[in-house]
Amino acid sequence: MDSKEKALKTAEFLHDKKAQDIKILELKELTIITDYFVICSAESTTQVKALAEYLQEIMQQEGYKLYGIEGFSHAHWVLMDYGDVIVHIFLEETRRYYDLERLWLDAPRIQIEKITSDKSRAVYR
């Protein structure tokens, strides 16, 4: 599976657990640290932790190695490093404050065309 497919699958997993405002930024032409950022929001620190725990579990089941996780104890911004995909799970107000999308304004966005209402499958462009 390539990096883009991994980022899309990650976004789908986060959507399944009710993450909000999911964005995928393609960084491979802008930095050597990763190929993609997957960014999402949660309404509470409890939801931030639940999203991080769920993603860690499901990604491990899918065979993806987690290289590092930061911010879990405070749960305002959890960063999960999967190598070519870095996941940022933000508390809504923390996301507005740091505004990674503005910081990486030059990064192309991977559009999520449609996520089906039954959440059994996401369709991407």
PDB file of N, CA and C in Angstrom:
ATOM      1  N   MET A   1       0.849  -1.182   0.000  1.00  0.00           N
ATOM      2  CA  MET A   1       0.000   0.000   0.000  1.00  0.00           C
ATOM      3  C   MET A   1       0.887   1.235   0.000  1.00  0.00           C
ATOM      4  N   ASP A   2       0.561   2.195  -0.854  1.00  0.00           N
ATOM      5  CA  ASP A   2       1.379   3.406  -0.895  1.00  0.00           C
ATOM      6  C   ASP A   2       0.925   4.408   0.168  1.00  0.00           C
ATOM      7  N   SER A   3       1.692   5.478   0.299  1.00  0.00           N
ATOM      8  CA  SER A   3       1.443   6.470   1.344  1.00  0.00           C
ATOM      9  C   SER A   3       0.073   7.123   1.220  1.00  0.00           C
ATOM     10  N   LYS A   4      -0.339   7.431   0.001  1.00  0.00           N
ATOM     11  CA  LYS A   4      -1.632   8.087  -0.198  1.00  0.00           C
ATOM     12  C   LYS A   4      -2.776   7.171   0.248  1.00  0.00           C
ATOM     13  N   GLU A   5      -2.699   5.910  -0.137  1.00  0.00           N
ATOM     14  CA  GLU A   5      -3.731   4.949   0.284  1.00  0.00           C
ATOM     15  C   GLU A   5      -3.766   4.816   1.805  1.00  0.00           C
ATOM     16  N   LYS A   6      -2.605   4.837   2.412  1.00  0.00           N
ATOM     17  CA  LYS A   6      -2.512   4.753   3.869  1.00  0.00           C
ATOM     18  C   LYS A   6      -3.166   5.981   4.516  1.00  0.00           C
ATOM     19  N   ALA A   7      -2.906   7.152   3.975  1.00  0.00           N
ATOM     20  CA  ALA A   7      -3.517   8.386   4.497  1.00  0.00           C
ATOM     21  C   ALA A   7      -5.032   8.346   4.334  1.00  0.00           C
ATOM     22  N   LEU A   8      -5.511   7.883   3.190  1.00  0.00           N
ATOM     23  CA  LEU A   8      -6.961   7.790   2.960  1.00  0.00           C
ATOM     24  C   LEU A   8      -7.610   6.789   3.897  1.00  0.00           C
ATOM     25  N   LYS A   9      -6.939   5.669   4.110  1.00  0.00           N
ATOM     26  CA  LYS A   9      -7.466   4.648   5.027  1.00  0.00           C
ATOM     27  C   LYS A   9      -7.504   5.196   6.455  1.00  0.00           C
ATOM     28  N   THR A  10      -6.482   5.928   6.832  1.00  0.00           N
ATOM     29  CA  THR A  10      -6.445   6.552   8.151  1.00  0.00           C
ATOM     30  C   THR A  10      -7.612   7.518   8.319  1.00  0.00           C
ATOM     31  N   ALA A  11      -7.866   8.337   7.312  1.00  0.00           N
ATOM     32  CA  ALA A  11      -8.999   9.271   7.358  1.00  0.00           C
ATOM     33  C   ALA A  11     -10.320   8.523   7.496  1.00  0.00           C
ATOM     34  N   GLU A  12     -10.444   7.411   6.804  1.00  0.00           N
ATOM     35  CA  GLU A  12     -11.659   6.603   6.898  1.00  0.00           C
ATOM     36  C   GLU A  12     -11.836   6.051   8.315  1.00  0.00           C
ATOM     37  N   PHE A  13     -10.753   5.557   8.902  1.00  0.00           N
ATOM     38  CA  PHE A  13     -10.830   5.040  10.274  1.00  0.00           C
ATOM     39  C   PHE A  13     -11.263   6.138  11.245  1.00  0.00           C
ATOM     40  N   LEU A  14     -10.690   7.334  11.089  1.00  0.00           N
ATOM     41  CA  LEU A  14     -11.047   8.450  11.966  1.00  0.00           C
ATOM     42  C   LEU A  14     -12.508   8.852  11.777  1.00  0.00           C
ATOM     43  N   HIS A  15     -12.966   8.840  10.544  1.00  0.00           N
ATOM     44  CA  HIS A  15     -14.370   9.151  10.271  1.00  0.00           C
ATOM     45  C   HIS A  15     -15.288   8.139  10.948  1.00  0.00           C
ATOM     46  N   ASP A  16     -14.913   6.885  10.899  1.00  0.00           N
ATOM     47  CA  ASP A  16     -15.720   5.827  11.518  1.00  0.00           C
ATOM     48  C   ASP A  16     -15.899   6.051  13.017  1.00  0.00           C
ATOM     49  N   LYS A  17     -14.936   6.722  13.636  1.00  0.00           N
ATOM     50  CA  LYS A  17     -14.997   6.989  15.080  1.00  0.00           C
ATOM     51  C   LYS A  17     -15.495   8.413  15.362  1.00  0.00           C
ATOM     52  N   LYS A  18     -16.080   9.050  14.337  1.00  0.00           N
ATOM     53  CA  LYS A  18     -16.724  10.361  14.453  1.00  0.00           C
ATOM     54  C   LYS A  18     -15.762  11.539  14.628  1.00  0.00           C
ATOM     55  N   ALA A  19     -14.567  11.438  14.071  1.00  0.00           N
ATOM     56  CA  ALA A  19     -13.680  12.598  14.020  1.00  0.00           C
ATOM     57  C   ALA A  19     -14.316  13.652  13.119  1.00  0.00           C
ATOM     58  N   GLN A  20     -13.983  14.906  13.365  1.00  0.00           N
ATOM     59  CA  GLN A  20     -14.597  15.999  12.619  1.00  0.00           C
ATOM     60  C   GLN A  20     -13.568  16.716  11.754  1.00  0.00           C
ATOM     61  N   ASP A  21     -14.065  17.322  10.680  1.00  0.00           N
ATOM     62  CA  ASP A  21     -13.270  18.187   9.801  1.00  0.00           C
ATOM     63  C   ASP A  21     -11.936  17.534   9.424  1.00  0.00           C
ATOM     64  N   ILE A  22     -12.018  16.360   8.848  1.00  0.00           N
ATOM     65  CA  ILE A  22     -10.819  15.599   8.473  1.00  0.00           C
ATOM     66  C   ILE A  22     -10.214  16.177   7.199  1.00  0.00           C
ATOM     67  N   LYS A  23      -8.933  16.457   7.253  1.00  0.00           N
ATOM     68  CA  LYS A  23      -8.199  16.987   6.100  1.00  0.00           C
ATOM     69  C   LYS A  23      -6.947  16.144   5.888  1.00  0.00           C
ATOM     70  N   ILE A  24      -6.578  16.008   4.629  1.00  0.00           N
ATOM     71  CA  ILE A  24      -5.325  15.332   4.282  1.00  0.00           C
ATOM     72  C   ILE A  24      -4.477  16.314   3.487  1.00  0.00           C
ATOM     73  N   LEU A  25      -3.256  16.555   3.966  1.00  0.00           N
ATOM     74  CA  LEU A  25      -2.316  17.440   3.277  1.00  0.00           C
ATOM     75  C   LEU A  25      -1.184  16.601   2.710  1.00  0.00           C
ATOM     76  N   GLU A  26      -0.855  16.831   1.456  1.00  0.00           N
ATOM     77  CA  GLU A  26       0.259  16.119   0.806  1.00  0.00           C
ATOM     78  C   GLU A  26       1.522  16.955   0.951  1.00  0.00           C
ATOM     79  N   LEU A  27       2.507  16.411   1.637  1.00  0.00           N
ATOM     80  CA  LEU A  27       3.726  17.157   1.948  1.00  0.00           C
ATOM     81  C   LEU A  27       4.975  16.630   1.259  1.00  0.00           C
ATOM     82  N   LYS A  28       4.851  15.591   0.453  1.00  0.00           N
ATOM     83  CA  LYS A  28       6.056  14.924  -0.056  1.00  0.00           C
ATOM     84  C   LYS A  28       6.956  15.807  -0.908  1.00  0.00           C
ATOM     85  N   GLU A  29       6.430  16.846  -1.523  1.00  0.00           N
ATOM     86  CA  GLU A  29       7.270  17.763  -2.304  1.00  0.00           C
ATOM     87  C   GLU A  29       7.758  18.950  -1.464  1.00  0.00           C
ATOM     88  N   LEU A  30       7.299  19.051  -0.201  1.00  0.00           N
ATOM     89  CA  LEU A  30       7.612  20.215   0.626  1.00  0.00           C
ATOM     90  C   LEU A  30       8.552  19.930   1.788  1.00  0.00           C
ATOM     91  N   THR A  31       8.639  18.669   2.218  1.00  0.00           N
ATOM     92  CA  THR A  31       9.457  18.335   3.377  1.00  0.00           C
ATOM     93  C   THR A  31       9.879  16.871   3.314  1.00  0.00           C
ATOM     94  N   ILE A  32      10.921  16.550   4.041  1.00  0.00           N
ATOM     95  CA  ILE A  32      11.366  15.154   4.094  1.00  0.00           C
ATOM     96  C   ILE A  32      10.821  14.431   5.317  1.00  0.00           C
ATOM     97  N   ILE A  33      10.086  15.134   6.191  1.00  0.00           N
ATOM     98  CA  ILE A  33       9.640  14.497   7.434  1.00  0.00           C
ATOM     99  C   ILE A  33       8.531  13.483   7.232  1.00  0.00           C
ATOM    100  N   THR A  34       7.692  13.682   6.231  1.00  0.00           N
ATOM    101  CA  THR A  34       6.582  12.757   5.979  1.00  0.00           C
ATOM    102  C   THR A  34       5.997  13.033   4.601  1.00  0.00           C
ATOM    103  N   ASP A  35       5.146  12.146   4.130  1.00  0.00           N
ATOM    104  CA  ASP A  35       4.461  12.352   2.853  1.00  0.00           C
ATOM    105  C   ASP A  35       3.097  13.020   3.040  1.00  0.00           C
ATOM    106  N   TYR A  36       2.401  12.677   4.133  1.00  0.00           N
ATOM    107  CA  TYR A  36       1.044  13.184   4.357  1.00  0.00           C
ATOM    108  C   TYR A  36       0.806  13.523   5.817  1.00  0.00           C
ATOM    109  N   PHE A  37       0.022  14.568   6.025  1.00  0.00           N
ATOM    110  CA  PHE A  37      -0.589  14.858   7.317  1.00  0.00           C
ATOM    111  C   PHE A  37      -2.059  14.500   7.201  1.00  0.00           C
ATOM    112  N   VAL A  38      -2.589  13.817   8.186  1.00  0.00           N
ATOM    113  CA  VAL A  38      -4.031  13.645   8.331  1.00  0.00           C
ATOM    114  C   VAL A  38      -4.396  14.430   9.588  1.00  0.00           C
ATOM    115  N   ILE A  39      -5.270  15.403   9.433  1.00  0.00           N
ATOM    116  CA  ILE A  39      -5.630  16.306  10.525  1.00  0.00           C
ATOM    117  C   ILE A  39      -7.124  16.181  10.784  1.00  0.00           C
ATOM    118  N   CYS A  40      -7.488  16.109  12.064  1.00  0.00           N
ATOM    119  CA  CYS A  40      -8.903  16.066  12.418  1.00  0.00           C
ATOM    120  C   CYS A  40      -9.122  16.742  13.760  1.00  0.00           C
ATOM    121  N   SER A  41     -10.390  16.964  14.085  1.00  0.00           N
ATOM    122  CA  SER A  41     -10.772  17.603  15.334  1.00  0.00           C
ATOM    123  C   SER A  41     -11.685  16.710  16.141  1.00  0.00           C
ATOM    124  N   ALA A  42     -11.721  17.007  17.442  1.00  0.00           N
ATOM    125  CA  ALA A  42     -12.624  16.334  18.368  1.00  0.00           C
ATOM    126  C   ALA A  42     -13.224  17.389  19.292  1.00  0.00           C
ATOM    127  N   GLU A  43     -14.378  17.078  19.862  1.00  0.00           N
ATOM    128  CA  GLU A  43     -15.098  18.046  20.686  1.00  0.00           C
ATOM    129  C   GLU A  43     -14.622  18.086  22.138  1.00  0.00           C
ATOM    130  N   SER A  44     -13.924  17.064  22.595  1.00  0.00           N
ATOM    131  CA  SER A  44     -13.494  17.007  23.992  1.00  0.00           C
ATOM    132  C   SER A  44     -12.183  16.239  24.086  1.00  0.00           C
ATOM    133  N   THR A  45     -11.500  16.396  25.217  1.00  0.00           N
ATOM    134  CA  THR A  45     -10.267  15.645  25.417  1.00  0.00           C
ATOM    135  C   THR A  45     -10.556  14.146  25.491  1.00  0.00           C
ATOM    136  N   THR A  46     -11.730  13.800  25.990  1.00  0.00           N
ATOM    137  CA  THR A  46     -12.123  12.385  26.025  1.00  0.00           C
ATOM    138  C   THR A  46     -12.215  11.826  24.611  1.00  0.00           C
ATOM    139  N   GLN A  47     -12.795  12.596  23.694  1.00  0.00           N
ATOM    140  CA  GLN A  47     -12.900  12.137  22.307  1.00  0.00           C
ATOM    141  C   GLN A  47     -11.534  12.103  21.628  1.00  0.00           C
ATOM    142  N   VAL A  48     -10.666  13.073  21.938  1.00  0.00           N
ATOM    143  CA  VAL A  48      -9.303  13.051  21.385  1.00  0.00           C
ATOM    144  C   VAL A  48      -8.615  11.743  21.768  1.00  0.00           C
ATOM    145  N   LYS A  49      -8.699  11.380  23.046  1.00  0.00           N
ATOM    146  CA  LYS A  49      -8.068  10.137  23.518  1.00  0.00           C
ATOM    147  C   LYS A  49      -8.710   8.909  22.879  1.00  0.00           C
ATOM    148  N   ALA A  50     -10.037   8.924  22.764  1.00  0.00           N
ATOM    149  CA  ALA A  50     -10.735   7.782  22.157  1.00  0.00           C
ATOM    150  C   ALA A  50     -10.314   7.606  20.702  1.00  0.00           C
ATOM    151  N   LEU A  51     -10.207   8.705  19.965  1.00  0.00           N
ATOM    152  CA  LEU A  51      -9.766   8.630  18.568  1.00  0.00           C
ATOM    153  C   LEU A  51      -8.347   8.073  18.481  1.00  0.00           C
ATOM    154  N   ALA A  52      -7.460   8.563  19.335  1.00  0.00           N
ATOM    155  CA  ALA A  52      -6.065   8.102  19.305  1.00  0.00           C
ATOM    156  C   ALA A  52      -5.969   6.622  19.667  1.00  0.00           C
ATOM    157  N   GLU A  53      -6.684   6.206  20.691  1.00  0.00           N
ATOM    158  CA  GLU A  53      -6.659   4.796  21.091  1.00  0.00           C
ATOM    159  C   GLU A  53      -7.218   3.895  19.995  1.00  0.00           C
ATOM    160  N   TYR A  54      -8.335   4.312  19.412  1.00  0.00           N
ATOM    161  CA  TYR A  54      -8.956   3.531  18.338  1.00  0.00           C
ATOM    162  C   TYR A  54      -8.014   3.431  17.143  1.00  0.00           C
ATOM    163  N   LEU A  55      -7.456   4.575  16.739  1.00  0.00           N
ATOM    164  CA  LEU A  55      -6.568   4.565  15.576  1.00  0.00           C
ATOM    165  C   LEU A  55      -5.344   3.699  15.830  1.00  0.00           C
ATOM    166  N   GLN A  56      -4.779   3.799  17.015  1.00  0.00           N
ATOM    167  CA  GLN A  56      -3.611   2.974  17.334  1.00  0.00           C
ATOM    168  C   GLN A  56      -3.959   1.489  17.230  1.00  0.00           C
ATOM    169  N   GLU A  57      -5.105   1.106  17.752  1.00  0.00           N
ATOM    170  CA  GLU A  57      -5.527  -0.296  17.723  1.00  0.00           C
ATOM    171  C   GLU A  57      -5.806  -0.783  16.298  1.00  0.00           C
ATOM    172  N   ILE A  58      -6.572  -0.033  15.541  1.00  0.00           N
ATOM    173  CA  ILE A  58      -6.965  -0.468  14.188  1.00  0.00           C
ATOM    174  C   ILE A  58      -5.765  -0.451  13.233  1.00  0.00           C
ATOM    175  N   MET A  59      -4.880   0.536  13.386  1.00  0.00           N
ATOM    176  CA  MET A  59      -3.700   0.582  12.521  1.00  0.00           C
ATOM    177  C   MET A  59      -2.767  -0.590  12.827  1.00  0.00           C
ATOM    178  N   GLN A  60      -2.654  -0.961  14.102  1.00  0.00           N
ATOM    179  CA  GLN A  60      -1.842  -2.125  14.458  1.00  0.00           C
ATOM    180  C   GLN A  60      -2.442  -3.387  13.846  1.00  0.00           C
ATOM    181  N   GLN A  61      -3.762  -3.520  13.902  1.00  0.00           N
ATOM    182  CA  GLN A  61      -4.425  -4.670  13.295  1.00  0.00           C
ATOM    183  C   GLN A  61      -4.190  -4.725  11.792  1.00  0.00           C
ATOM    184  N   GLU A  62      -4.081  -3.548  11.167  1.00  0.00           N
ATOM    185  CA  GLU A  62      -3.833  -3.471   9.726  1.00  0.00           C
ATOM    186  C   GLU A  62      -2.351  -3.659   9.381  1.00  0.00           C
ATOM    187  N   GLY A  63      -1.506  -3.762  10.401  1.00  0.00           N
ATOM    188  CA  GLY A  63      -0.090  -4.019  10.171  1.00  0.00           C
ATOM    189  C   GLY A  63       0.783  -2.782  10.063  1.00  0.00           C
ATOM    190  N   TYR A  64       0.281  -1.618  10.487  1.00  0.00           N
ATOM    191  CA  TYR A  64       1.066  -0.380  10.422  1.00  0.00           C
ATOM    192  C   TYR A  64       1.789  -0.145  11.743  1.00  0.00           C
ATOM    193  N   LYS A  65       3.048   0.214  11.638  1.00  0.00           N
ATOM    194  CA  LYS A  65       3.873   0.453  12.824  1.00  0.00           C
ATOM    195  C   LYS A  65       3.736   1.898  13.280  1.00  0.00           C
ATOM    196  N   LEU A  66       3.452   2.085  14.550  1.00  0.00           N
ATOM    197  CA  LEU A  66       3.426   3.410  15.173  1.00  0.00           C
ATOM    198  C   LEU A  66       4.833   3.693  15.693  1.00  0.00           C
ATOM    199  N   TYR A  67       5.472   4.728  15.135  1.00  0.00           N
ATOM    200  CA  TYR A  67       6.840   5.059  15.520  1.00  0.00           C
ATOM    201  C   TYR A  67       6.896   5.948  16.751  1.00  0.00           C
ATOM    202  N   GLY A  68       5.827   6.689  17.007  1.00  0.00           N
ATOM    203  CA  GLY A  68       5.809   7.555  18.171  1.00  0.00           C
ATOM    204  C   GLY A  68       4.458   8.204  18.336  1.00  0.00           C
ATOM    205  N   ILE A  69       4.162   8.563  19.570  1.00  0.00           N
ATOM    206  CA  ILE A  69       2.922   9.272  19.878  1.00  0.00           C
ATOM    207  C   ILE A  69       3.247  10.333  20.915  1.00  0.00           C
ATOM    208  N   GLU A  70       2.738  11.526  20.711  1.00  0.00           N
ATOM    209  CA  GLU A  70       2.975  12.646  21.624  1.00  0.00           C
ATOM    210  C   GLU A  70       1.650  13.303  21.968  1.00  0.00           C
ATOM    211  N   GLY A  71       1.545  13.816  23.192  1.00  0.00           N
ATOM    212  CA  GLY A  71       0.406  14.620  23.588  1.00  0.00           C
ATOM    213  C   GLY A  71      -0.782  13.867  24.146  1.00  0.00           C
ATOM    214  N   PHE A  72      -0.668  12.556  24.293  1.00  0.00           N
ATOM    215  CA  PHE A  72      -1.825  11.768  24.718  1.00  0.00           C
ATOM    216  C   PHE A  72      -2.279  12.131  26.133  1.00  0.00           C
ATOM    217  N   SER A  73      -1.355  12.391  27.029  1.00  0.00           N
ATOM    218  CA  SER A  73      -1.734  12.638  28.428  1.00  0.00           C
ATOM    219  C   SER A  73      -2.567  13.907  28.600  1.00  0.00           C
ATOM    220  N   HIS A  74      -2.283  14.953  27.819  1.00  0.00           N
ATOM    221  CA  HIS A  74      -3.066  16.190  27.924  1.00  0.00           C
ATOM    222  C   HIS A  74      -4.255  16.200  26.964  1.00  0.00           C
ATOM    223  N   ALA A  75      -4.119  15.510  25.865  1.00  0.00           N
ATOM    224  CA  ALA A  75      -5.194  15.295  24.884  1.00  0.00           C
ATOM    225  C   ALA A  75      -5.768  16.573  24.295  1.00  0.00           C
ATOM    226  N   HIS A  76      -4.929  17.586  24.116  1.00  0.00           N
ATOM    227  CA  HIS A  76      -5.355  18.762  23.364  1.00  0.00           C
ATOM    228  C   HIS A  76      -4.889  18.650  21.911  1.00  0.00           C
ATOM    229  N   TRP A  77      -3.767  17.958  21.726  1.00  0.00           N
ATOM    230  CA  TRP A  77      -3.202  17.724  20.393  1.00  0.00           C
ATOM    231  C   TRP A  77      -2.388  16.438  20.490  1.00  0.00           C
ATOM    232  N   VAL A  78      -2.885  15.385  19.869  1.00  0.00           N
ATOM    233  CA  VAL A  78      -2.160  14.120  19.838  1.00  0.00           C
ATOM    234  C   VAL A  78      -1.554  13.964  18.453  1.00  0.00           C
ATOM    235  N   LEU A  79      -0.261  13.729  18.417  1.00  0.00           N
ATOM    236  CA  LEU A  79       0.458  13.495  17.171  1.00  0.00           C
ATOM    237  C   LEU A  79       0.848  12.030  17.143  1.00  0.00           C
ATOM    238  N   MET A  80       0.488  11.351  16.052  1.00  0.00           N
ATOM    239  CA  MET A  80       0.816   9.933  15.886  1.00  0.00           C
ATOM    240  C   MET A  80       1.649   9.777  14.618  1.00  0.00           C
ATOM    241  N   ASP A  81       2.854   9.255  14.776  1.00  0.00           N
ATOM    242  CA  ASP A  81       3.803   9.140  13.673  1.00  0.00           C
ATOM    243  C   ASP A  81       3.790   7.723  13.105  1.00  0.00           C
ATOM    244  N   TYR A  82       3.268   7.621  11.882  1.00  0.00           N
ATOM    245  CA  TYR A  82       3.288   6.357  11.145  1.00  0.00           C
ATOM    246  C   TYR A  82       4.293   6.411   9.993  1.00  0.00           C
ATOM    247  N   GLY A  83       5.327   7.223  10.165  1.00  0.00           N
ATOM    248  CA  GLY A  83       6.374   7.320   9.154  1.00  0.00           C
ATOM    249  C   GLY A  83       5.955   8.204   7.999  1.00  0.00           C
ATOM    250  N   ASP A  84       5.422   7.619   6.959  1.00  0.00           N
ATOM    251  CA  ASP A  84       5.026   8.385   5.786  1.00  0.00           C
ATOM    252  C   ASP A  84       3.681   9.104   5.963  1.00  0.00           C
ATOM    253  N   VAL A  85       2.995   8.834   7.061  1.00  0.00           N
ATOM    254  CA  VAL A  85       1.742   9.514   7.406  1.00  0.00           C
ATOM    255  C   VAL A  85       1.821   9.933   8.873  1.00  0.00           C
ATOM    256  N   ILE A  86       1.617  11.216   9.117  1.00  0.00           N
ATOM    257  CA  ILE A  86       1.557  11.722  10.486  1.00  0.00           C
ATOM    258  C   ILE A  86       0.143  12.200  10.745  1.00  0.00           C
ATOM    259  N   VAL A  87      -0.432  11.731  11.837  1.00  0.00           N
ATOM    260  CA  VAL A  87      -1.814  12.042  12.198  1.00  0.00           C
ATOM    261  C   VAL A  87      -1.811  13.068  13.323  1.00  0.00           C
ATOM    262  N   HIS A  88      -2.627  14.113  13.145  1.00  0.00           N
ATOM    263  CA  HIS A  88      -2.812  15.140  14.169  1.00  0.00           C
ATOM    264  C   HIS A  88      -4.275  15.100  14.599  1.00  0.00           C
ATOM    265  N   ILE A  89      -4.512  14.787  15.864  1.00  0.00           N
ATOM    266  CA  ILE A  89      -5.866  14.776  16.411  1.00  0.00           C
ATOM    267  C   ILE A  89      -5.941  15.934  17.402  1.00  0.00           C
ATOM    268  N   PHE A  90      -6.746  16.931  17.065  1.00  0.00           N
ATOM    269  CA  PHE A  90      -6.810  18.166  17.839  1.00  0.00           C
ATOM    270  C   PHE A  90      -8.126  18.311  18.589  1.00  0.00           C
ATOM    271  N   LEU A  91      -8.059  18.916  19.753  1.00  0.00           N
ATOM    272  CA  LEU A  91      -9.224  19.517  20.359  1.00  0.00           C
ATOM    273  C   LEU A  91      -9.557  20.720  19.483  1.00  0.00           C
ATOM    274  N   GLU A  92     -10.835  20.989  19.228  1.00  0.00           N
ATOM    275  CA  GLU A  92     -11.220  22.015  18.247  1.00  0.00           C
ATOM    276  C   GLU A  92     -10.502  23.350  18.448  1.00  0.00           C
ATOM    277  N   GLU A  93     -10.508  23.875  19.682  1.00  0.00           N
ATOM    278  CA  GLU A  93      -9.898  25.192  19.909  1.00  0.00           C
ATOM    279  C   GLU A  93      -8.388  25.164  19.750  1.00  0.00           C
ATOM    280  N   THR A  94      -7.752  24.045  20.054  1.00  0.00           N
ATOM    281  CA  THR A  94      -6.311  23.911  19.858  1.00  0.00           C
ATOM    282  C   THR A  94      -5.989  23.902  18.369  1.00  0.00           C
ATOM    283  N   ARG A  95      -6.820  23.256  17.598  1.00  0.00           N
ATOM    284  CA  ARG A  95      -6.611  23.246  16.139  1.00  0.00           C
ATOM    285  C   ARG A  95      -6.725  24.651  15.563  1.00  0.00           C
ATOM    286  N   ARG A  96      -7.692  25.404  16.009  1.00  0.00           N
ATOM    287  CA  ARG A  96      -7.834  26.791  15.519  1.00  0.00           C
ATOM    288  C   ARG A  96      -6.607  27.622  15.902  1.00  0.00           C
ATOM    289  N   TYR A  97      -6.094  27.416  17.101  1.00  0.00           N
ATOM    290  CA  TYR A  97      -4.946  28.182  17.573  1.00  0.00           C
ATOM    291  C   TYR A  97      -3.691  27.895  16.741  1.00  0.00           C
ATOM    292  N   TYR A  98      -3.369  26.631  16.527  1.00  0.00           N
ATOM    293  CA  TYR A  98      -2.141  26.273  15.809  1.00  0.00           C
ATOM    294  C   TYR A  98      -2.299  26.348  14.296  1.00  0.00           C
ATOM    295  N   ASP A  99      -3.480  26.134  13.786  1.00  0.00           N
ATOM    296  CA  ASP A  99      -3.823  26.330  12.368  1.00  0.00           C
ATOM    297  C   ASP A  99      -2.778  25.746  11.408  1.00  0.00           C
ATOM    298  N   LEU A 100      -2.558  24.438  11.522  1.00  0.00           N
ATOM    299  CA  LEU A 100      -1.583  23.765  10.656  1.00  0.00           C
ATOM    300  C   LEU A 100      -1.904  23.932   9.172  1.00  0.00           C
ATOM    301  N   GLU A 101      -3.188  23.985   8.848  1.00  0.00           N
ATOM    302  CA  GLU A 101      -3.556  24.145   7.447  1.00  0.00           C
ATOM    303  C   GLU A 101      -3.022  25.455   6.879  1.00  0.00           C
ATOM    304  N   ARG A 102      -3.004  26.510   7.670  1.00  0.00           N
ATOM    305  CA  ARG A 102      -2.451  27.788   7.219  1.00  0.00           C
ATOM    306  C   ARG A 102      -0.928  27.712   7.173  1.00  0.00           C
ATOM    307  N   LEU A 103      -0.333  27.058   8.160  1.00  0.00           N
ATOM    308  CA  LEU A 103       1.123  26.915   8.202  1.00  0.00           C
ATOM    309  C   LEU A 103       1.636  26.161   6.969  1.00  0.00           C
ATOM    310  N   TRP A 104       0.886  25.144   6.533  1.00  0.00           N
ATOM    311  CA  TRP A 104       1.239  24.352   5.362  1.00  0.00           C
ATOM    312  C   TRP A 104       0.332  24.724   4.190  1.00  0.00           C
ATOM    313  N   LEU A 105       0.153  26.003   3.972  1.00  0.00           N
ATOM    314  CA  LEU A 105      -0.751  26.514   2.935  1.00  0.00           C
ATOM    315  C   LEU A 105      -0.373  26.025   1.535  1.00  0.00           C
ATOM    316  N   ASP A 106       0.917  25.816   1.291  1.00  0.00           N
ATOM    317  CA  ASP A 106       1.383  25.375  -0.029  1.00  0.00           C
ATOM    318  C   ASP A 106       1.146  23.888  -0.282  1.00  0.00           C
ATOM    319  N   ALA A 107       0.771  23.158   0.744  1.00  0.00           N
ATOM    320  CA  ALA A 107       0.570  21.712   0.599  1.00  0.00           C
ATOM    321  C   ALA A 107      -0.739  21.423  -0.127  1.00  0.00           C
ATOM    322  N   PRO A 108      -0.685  20.608  -1.176  1.00  0.00           N
ATOM    323  CA  PRO A 108      -1.931  20.220  -1.847  1.00  0.00           C
ATOM    324  C   PRO A 108      -2.835  19.452  -0.889  1.00  0.00           C
ATOM    325  N   ARG A 109      -4.128  19.678  -1.023  1.00  0.00           N
ATOM    326  CA  ARG A 109      -5.128  18.969  -0.217  1.00  0.00           C
ATOM    327  C   ARG A 109      -5.631  17.770  -1.003  1.00  0.00           C
ATOM    328  N   ILE A 110      -5.732  16.655  -0.333  1.00  0.00           N
ATOM    329  CA  ILE A 110      -6.333  15.468  -0.930  1.00  0.00           C
ATOM    330  C   ILE A 110      -7.813  15.543  -0.590  1.00  0.00           C
ATOM    331  N   GLN A 111      -8.625  15.694  -1.609  1.00  0.00           N
ATOM    332  CA  GLN A 111     -10.053  15.886  -1.400  1.00  0.00           C
ATOM    333  C   GLN A 111     -10.750  14.573  -1.057  1.00  0.00           C
ATOM    334  N   ILE A 112     -11.587  14.652  -0.055  1.00  0.00           N
ATOM    335  CA  ILE A 112     -12.453  13.536   0.294  1.00  0.00           C
ATOM    336  C   ILE A 112     -13.788  13.846  -0.354  1.00  0.00           C
ATOM    337  N   GLU A 113     -14.112  13.121  -1.406  1.00  0.00           N
ATOM    338  CA  GLU A 113     -15.329  13.423  -2.176  1.00  0.00           C
ATOM    339  C   GLU A 113     -16.595  13.109  -1.410  1.00  0.00           C
ATOM    340  N   LYS A 114     -16.649  11.920  -0.852  1.00  0.00           N
ATOM    341  CA  LYS A 114     -17.895  11.474  -0.255  1.00  0.00           C
ATOM    342  C   LYS A 114     -17.601  10.404   0.780  1.00  0.00           C
ATOM    343  N   ILE A 115     -18.260  10.515   1.885  1.00  0.00           N
ATOM    344  CA  ILE A 115     -18.207   9.452   2.873  1.00  0.00           C
ATOM    345  C   ILE A 115     -19.638   8.975   3.044  1.00  0.00           C
ATOM    346  N   THR A 116     -19.861   7.711   2.808  1.00  0.00           N
ATOM    347  CA  THR A 116     -21.225   7.198   2.814  1.00  0.00           C
ATOM    348  C   THR A 116     -21.850   7.280   4.190  1.00  0.00           C
ATOM    349  N   SER A 117     -23.158   7.397   4.234  1.00  0.00           N
ATOM    350  CA  SER A 117     -23.859   7.572   5.504  1.00  0.00           C
ATOM    351  C   SER A 117     -23.772   6.335   6.388  1.00  0.00           C
ATOM    352  N   ASP A 118     -23.648   5.151   5.787  1.00  0.00           N
ATOM    353  CA  ASP A 118     -23.543   3.956   6.630  1.00  0.00           C
ATOM    354  C   ASP A 118     -22.117   3.728   7.131  1.00  0.00           C
ATOM    355  N   LYS A 119     -21.172   4.545   6.666  1.00  0.00           N
ATOM    356  CA  LYS A 119     -19.782   4.523   7.084  1.00  0.00           C
ATOM    357  C   LYS A 119     -19.090   3.186   6.849  1.00  0.00           C
ATOM    358  N   SER A 120     -19.696   2.321   6.052  1.00  0.00           N
ATOM    359  CA  SER A 120     -19.052   1.044   5.796  1.00  0.00           C
ATOM    360  C   SER A 120     -17.895   1.185   4.820  1.00  0.00           C
ATOM    361  N   ARG A 121     -17.929   2.260   4.006  1.00  0.00           N
ATOM    362  CA  ARG A 121     -16.881   2.457   3.021  1.00  0.00           C
ATOM    363  C   ARG A 121     -16.829   3.921   2.644  1.00  0.00           C
ATOM    364  N   ALA A 122     -15.648   4.441   2.504  1.00  0.00           N
ATOM    365  CA  ALA A 122     -15.467   5.821   2.065  1.00  0.00           C
ATOM    366  C   ALA A 122     -14.980   5.798   0.616  1.00  0.00           C
ATOM    367  N   VAL A 123     -15.412   6.753  -0.166  1.00  0.00           N
ATOM    368  CA  VAL A 123     -15.009   6.860  -1.555  1.00  0.00           C
ATOM    369  C   VAL A 123     -14.243   8.154  -1.714  1.00  0.00           C
ATOM    370  N   TYR A 124     -13.030   8.074  -2.290  1.00  0.00           N
ATOM    371  CA  TYR A 124     -12.163   9.222  -2.390  1.00  0.00           C
ATOM    372  C   TYR A 124     -11.803   9.492  -3.836  1.00  0.00           C
ATOM    373  N   ARG A 125     -11.469  10.740  -4.098  1.00  0.00           N
ATOM    374  CA  ARG A 125     -11.001  11.138  -5.425  1.00  0.00           C
ATOM    375  C   ARG A 125      -9.509  11.199  -5.420  1.00  0.00           C
TER     376      ARG A 125
END
